[in-house]
N, C-alpha and C. Protein backbone atom coordinates (compact mmCIF):
# COMPACT_ATOMS: atom_id res chain seq x y z
N UNK A 1 4.52 -14.26 -12.34
CA UNK A 1 5.81 -13.69 -11.76
C UNK A 1 5.98 -12.29 -12.69
N UNK A 2 5.74 -12.38 -14.01
CA UNK A 2 5.90 -11.23 -15.01
C UNK A 2 4.83 -10.39 -14.58
N UNK A 3 3.63 -10.78 -14.06
CA UNK A 3 2.41 -9.68 -13.68
C UNK A 3 2.77 -9.03 -12.62
N UNK A 4 3.42 -9.51 -11.51
CA UNK A 4 3.95 -8.92 -10.38
C UNK A 4 4.88 -7.86 -10.68
N UNK A 5 5.80 -8.28 -11.46
CA UNK A 5 7.01 -7.54 -11.83
C UNK A 5 6.06 -6.14 -12.53
N UNK A 6 5.35 -6.36 -13.35
CA UNK A 6 4.73 -5.25 -14.08
C UNK A 6 4.01 -4.13 -13.07
N UNK A 7 3.30 -4.87 -12.09
CA UNK A 7 2.63 -3.92 -11.19
C UNK A 7 3.70 -3.32 -10.38
N UNK A 8 4.69 -3.67 -10.17
CA UNK A 8 5.58 -3.03 -9.26
C UNK A 8 6.04 -1.93 -9.96
N UNK A 9 6.57 -2.11 -11.25
CA UNK A 9 7.03 -0.99 -12.09
C UNK A 9 6.20 0.14 -12.45
N UNK A 10 4.74 -0.33 -12.55
CA UNK A 10 3.61 0.58 -12.60
C UNK A 10 3.37 1.62 -11.37
N UNK A 11 3.57 1.20 -10.20
CA UNK A 11 3.33 1.45 -9.09
C UNK A 11 4.61 2.65 -8.92
N UNK A 12 5.97 1.89 -9.20
CA UNK A 12 6.93 3.04 -9.04
C UNK A 12 7.04 3.94 -9.99
N UNK A 13 6.54 3.95 -11.03
CA UNK A 13 6.41 5.09 -12.00
C UNK A 13 5.21 6.02 -11.62
N UNK A 14 4.22 5.69 -10.95
CA UNK A 14 3.24 6.43 -10.62
C UNK A 14 3.66 7.14 -9.15
N UNK A 15 4.63 6.76 -8.71
CA UNK A 15 5.21 7.35 -7.48
C UNK A 15 4.34 6.97 -6.15
N UNK A 16 3.70 5.70 -6.12
CA UNK A 16 3.06 5.22 -4.99
C UNK A 16 3.80 3.85 -4.27
N UNK A 17 4.98 4.15 -4.17
CA UNK A 17 5.82 2.99 -3.54
C UNK A 17 5.66 2.87 -1.99
N UNK A 18 5.70 2.08 -1.45
CA UNK A 18 5.46 2.05 0.01
C UNK A 18 6.65 2.15 0.70
N UNK A 19 6.53 3.16 1.87
CA UNK A 19 7.77 3.85 2.53
C UNK A 19 8.00 2.38 3.68
N UNK A 20 9.25 2.83 4.11
CA UNK A 20 10.03 1.95 4.89
C UNK A 20 9.17 2.20 6.28
N UNK A 21 9.06 0.91 6.95
CA UNK A 21 8.40 0.85 8.45
C UNK A 21 9.25 1.55 9.45
N UNK A 22 10.97 1.27 9.30
CA UNK A 22 11.55 2.19 9.91
C UNK A 22 11.71 3.51 9.57
N UNK A 23 12.63 4.33 10.01
CA UNK A 23 12.81 5.60 9.49
C UNK A 23 11.73 6.78 9.08
N UNK A 24 10.60 6.43 9.80
CA UNK A 24 9.57 7.50 9.84
C UNK A 24 9.95 8.52 10.37
N UNK A 25 10.82 8.70 11.41
CA UNK A 25 11.02 9.90 12.12
C UNK A 25 12.51 10.33 11.51
N UNK A 26 12.56 11.58 12.00
CA UNK A 26 14.02 12.17 11.87
C UNK A 26 15.03 11.63 12.78
N UNK A 27 16.21 11.83 12.54
CA UNK A 27 17.30 11.31 13.42
C UNK A 27 17.38 11.92 14.85
N UNK A 28 17.44 11.19 15.87
CA UNK A 28 17.59 11.60 17.07
C UNK A 28 18.98 11.45 17.99
N UNK A 29 18.80 12.18 18.90
CA UNK A 29 20.37 12.25 19.75
C UNK A 29 20.19 11.10 20.92
N UNK A 30 21.29 10.54 21.26
CA UNK A 30 21.60 9.75 22.09
C UNK A 30 22.89 9.84 23.11
N UNK A 31 22.88 9.83 24.33
CA UNK A 31 24.30 10.10 25.11
C UNK A 31 24.50 8.63 25.59
N UNK A 32 26.07 8.53 25.37
CA UNK A 32 26.54 7.37 25.68
C UNK A 32 26.87 7.26 27.09
N UNK A 33 26.35 6.14 27.73
CA UNK A 33 26.38 6.03 29.24
C UNK A 33 27.55 5.03 29.63
N UNK A 34 27.72 4.08 28.79
CA UNK A 34 28.80 3.09 29.38
C UNK A 34 29.30 2.28 28.14
N UNK A 35 30.49 1.82 28.25
CA UNK A 35 31.28 1.24 27.02
C UNK A 35 31.27 -0.19 27.49
N UNK A 36 30.78 -1.09 26.87
CA UNK A 36 30.49 -2.34 27.05
C UNK A 36 31.78 -3.23 26.59
N UNK A 37 32.18 -3.23 25.20
CA UNK A 37 33.33 -3.80 24.75
C UNK A 37 33.52 -3.59 23.36
N UNK A 38 34.58 -4.35 23.14
CA UNK A 38 34.95 -4.33 21.45
C UNK A 38 34.48 -5.55 21.00
N UNK A 39 34.20 -5.50 19.56
CA UNK A 39 33.42 -6.48 19.04
C UNK A 39 33.81 -6.60 17.62
N UNK A 40 33.55 -7.43 16.56
CA UNK A 40 33.91 -7.36 15.16
C UNK A 40 35.13 -8.30 14.92
N UNK A 41 35.46 -8.54 13.56
CA UNK A 41 36.40 -9.54 13.38
C UNK A 41 37.90 -9.12 14.05
N UNK A 42 38.26 -7.56 14.16
CA UNK A 42 39.31 -7.07 14.26
C UNK A 42 39.24 -6.35 15.47
N UNK A 43 38.10 -6.05 16.29
CA UNK A 43 37.81 -5.43 17.32
C UNK A 43 37.51 -4.05 17.24
N UNK A 44 37.25 -3.66 15.61
CA UNK A 44 37.11 -2.45 15.31
C UNK A 44 35.73 -1.42 15.81
N UNK A 45 34.72 -2.57 16.46
CA UNK A 45 33.22 -1.78 16.58
C UNK A 45 33.62 -2.01 18.07
N UNK A 46 33.00 -0.90 18.59
CA UNK A 46 32.58 -0.62 20.08
C UNK A 46 31.13 -0.84 20.32
N UNK A 47 30.68 -1.49 21.21
CA UNK A 47 29.51 -1.72 21.72
C UNK A 47 29.34 -0.73 22.90
N UNK A 48 28.38 -0.05 22.96
CA UNK A 48 28.10 1.21 24.01
C UNK A 48 26.26 0.89 24.48
N UNK A 49 26.38 1.54 25.66
CA UNK A 49 24.91 1.41 26.05
C UNK A 49 24.68 3.25 25.81
N UNK A 50 23.61 3.59 25.45
CA UNK A 50 23.34 4.90 25.00
C UNK A 50 21.76 5.02 25.61
N UNK A 51 21.67 6.30 26.20
CA UNK A 51 20.03 6.82 26.50
C UNK A 51 19.65 7.75 25.36
N UNK A 52 18.60 7.28 24.90
CA UNK A 52 17.75 7.91 23.77
C UNK A 52 17.45 9.42 24.37
N UNK A 53 17.61 10.45 23.93
CA UNK A 53 17.35 11.86 24.25
C UNK A 53 16.19 12.62 24.01
N UNK A 54 15.68 12.26 22.51
CA UNK A 54 14.60 12.68 21.71
C UNK A 54 13.78 11.75 21.29
N UNK A 55 12.63 11.92 20.59
CA UNK A 55 11.85 11.11 19.88
C UNK A 55 10.85 10.19 20.66
N UNK A 56 10.23 9.14 19.76
CA UNK A 56 9.45 8.36 20.51
C UNK A 56 9.93 7.28 21.61
N UNK A 57 11.08 7.08 21.61
CA UNK A 57 11.77 6.35 22.63
C UNK A 57 12.49 7.03 23.54
N UNK A 58 12.09 8.29 23.79
CA UNK A 58 13.17 9.18 25.00
C UNK A 58 13.03 8.49 26.18
N UNK A 59 14.44 8.44 26.69
CA UNK A 59 14.54 8.07 27.87
C UNK A 59 14.83 6.24 27.93
N UNK A 60 14.89 5.85 26.83
CA UNK A 60 15.14 4.26 26.68
C UNK A 60 16.84 4.17 26.72
N UNK A 61 17.09 3.28 27.45
CA UNK A 61 18.44 2.87 27.25
C UNK A 61 18.75 1.68 26.39
N UNK A 62 19.71 1.81 25.41
CA UNK A 62 19.68 0.74 24.43
C UNK A 62 20.97 0.33 24.21
N UNK A 63 21.58 -0.84 23.55
CA UNK A 63 22.69 -1.18 23.27
C UNK A 63 23.02 -0.89 21.82
N UNK A 64 23.96 -0.34 21.39
CA UNK A 64 24.61 -0.06 20.10
C UNK A 64 25.69 -0.06 19.61
N UNK A 65 26.21 -0.73 18.42
CA UNK A 65 27.51 -0.88 17.97
C UNK A 65 27.90 0.74 17.17
N UNK A 66 29.02 0.70 17.59
CA UNK A 66 29.65 2.05 17.05
C UNK A 66 31.05 1.81 16.56
N UNK A 67 31.31 2.53 15.16
CA UNK A 67 32.43 2.30 14.80
C UNK A 67 33.17 3.89 14.91
N UNK A 68 34.36 3.79 15.23
CA UNK A 68 35.16 4.73 15.55
C UNK A 68 35.70 5.28 17.07
N UNK A 69 36.30 6.24 17.16
CA UNK A 69 36.55 6.64 18.48
C UNK A 69 35.30 7.14 19.19
N UNK A 70 35.32 6.50 20.40
CA UNK A 70 34.12 7.06 21.28
C UNK A 70 34.45 6.87 22.83
N UNK A 71 33.71 7.93 23.51
CA UNK A 71 33.81 7.75 25.04
C UNK A 71 32.73 7.81 25.90
N UNK A 72 32.52 7.65 27.11
CA UNK A 72 31.26 8.04 27.80
C UNK A 72 31.13 9.76 28.02
N UNK A 73 29.76 9.77 27.59
CA UNK A 73 29.40 11.50 27.51
C UNK A 73 29.40 11.75 26.29
N UNK A 74 29.71 11.09 25.19
CA UNK A 74 29.55 11.54 23.63
C UNK A 74 28.26 11.43 23.28
N UNK A 75 27.68 12.30 22.36
CA UNK A 75 26.55 12.29 21.66
C UNK A 75 26.47 11.32 20.51
N UNK A 76 25.56 10.39 20.19
CA UNK A 76 25.51 9.99 18.85
C UNK A 76 24.08 10.23 18.29
N UNK A 77 24.23 10.48 16.94
CA UNK A 77 22.86 10.60 16.37
C UNK A 77 22.44 9.35 15.63
N UNK A 78 21.13 8.97 15.98
CA UNK A 78 20.74 7.62 15.56
C UNK A 78 19.75 7.92 14.55
N UNK A 79 19.87 7.07 13.44
CA UNK A 79 18.81 7.08 12.45
C UNK A 79 17.51 6.51 12.80
N UNK A 80 17.60 5.34 13.62
CA UNK A 80 16.49 4.69 14.32
C UNK A 80 16.55 4.36 15.67
N UNK A 81 15.54 4.30 16.23
CA UNK A 81 15.76 3.54 17.64
C UNK A 81 15.20 2.29 18.01
N UNK A 82 14.56 1.75 16.89
CA UNK A 82 13.88 0.37 17.33
C UNK A 82 14.56 -0.86 17.25
N UNK A 83 15.84 -0.86 16.64
CA UNK A 83 16.60 -1.90 16.51
C UNK A 83 17.87 -1.92 17.63
N UNK A 84 18.05 -2.76 18.35
CA UNK A 84 19.04 -2.73 19.42
C UNK A 84 20.10 -3.93 18.97
N UNK A 85 21.24 -3.54 19.31
CA UNK A 85 22.48 -4.59 19.03
C UNK A 85 22.40 -5.83 19.94
N UNK A 86 22.80 -6.85 19.28
CA UNK A 86 22.83 -8.17 20.24
C UNK A 86 23.74 -7.96 21.49
N UNK A 87 23.40 -8.59 22.49
CA UNK A 87 24.50 -8.54 23.79
C UNK A 87 25.51 -9.31 23.26
N UNK A 88 26.83 -8.88 23.80
CA UNK A 88 28.14 -9.35 23.37
C UNK A 88 28.01 -10.82 24.59
N UNK A 89 28.75 -11.92 24.00
CA UNK A 89 28.98 -13.08 24.99
C UNK A 89 30.22 -12.46 25.76
N UNK A 90 30.07 -12.90 27.12
CA UNK A 90 31.08 -12.56 28.14
C UNK A 90 31.03 -11.20 28.84
N UNK A 91 30.08 -10.46 28.18
CA UNK A 91 30.13 -9.00 29.14
C UNK A 91 29.09 -9.02 30.05
N UNK A 92 29.67 -8.44 31.26
CA UNK A 92 28.87 -8.45 32.33
C UNK A 92 27.80 -7.40 32.40
N UNK A 93 27.88 -6.36 31.68
CA UNK A 93 26.96 -5.48 31.98
C UNK A 93 25.56 -5.74 31.32
N UNK A 94 24.52 -5.49 32.15
CA UNK A 94 23.16 -6.02 31.73
C UNK A 94 22.16 -4.87 31.63
């Protein structure tokens, strides 16, 4: 265990740490197409369907959770486009 920790420290000091597999691209814009519903313990999170406008997943429609005021037609700035929010129970939107 101690040897592995020492190797990690050495790599960090050399500047050869591994990069995250996500976040390899710069942020992209997405257009809010539909508001699916509210979620969270107090309903403070809004689940929306958004269409990605730029980047590798351009044209893909995906489900995302948003905190704060949002309406159809707003632009979201997404840091990554690989992960999608889970579908809400009881939502009719597919």
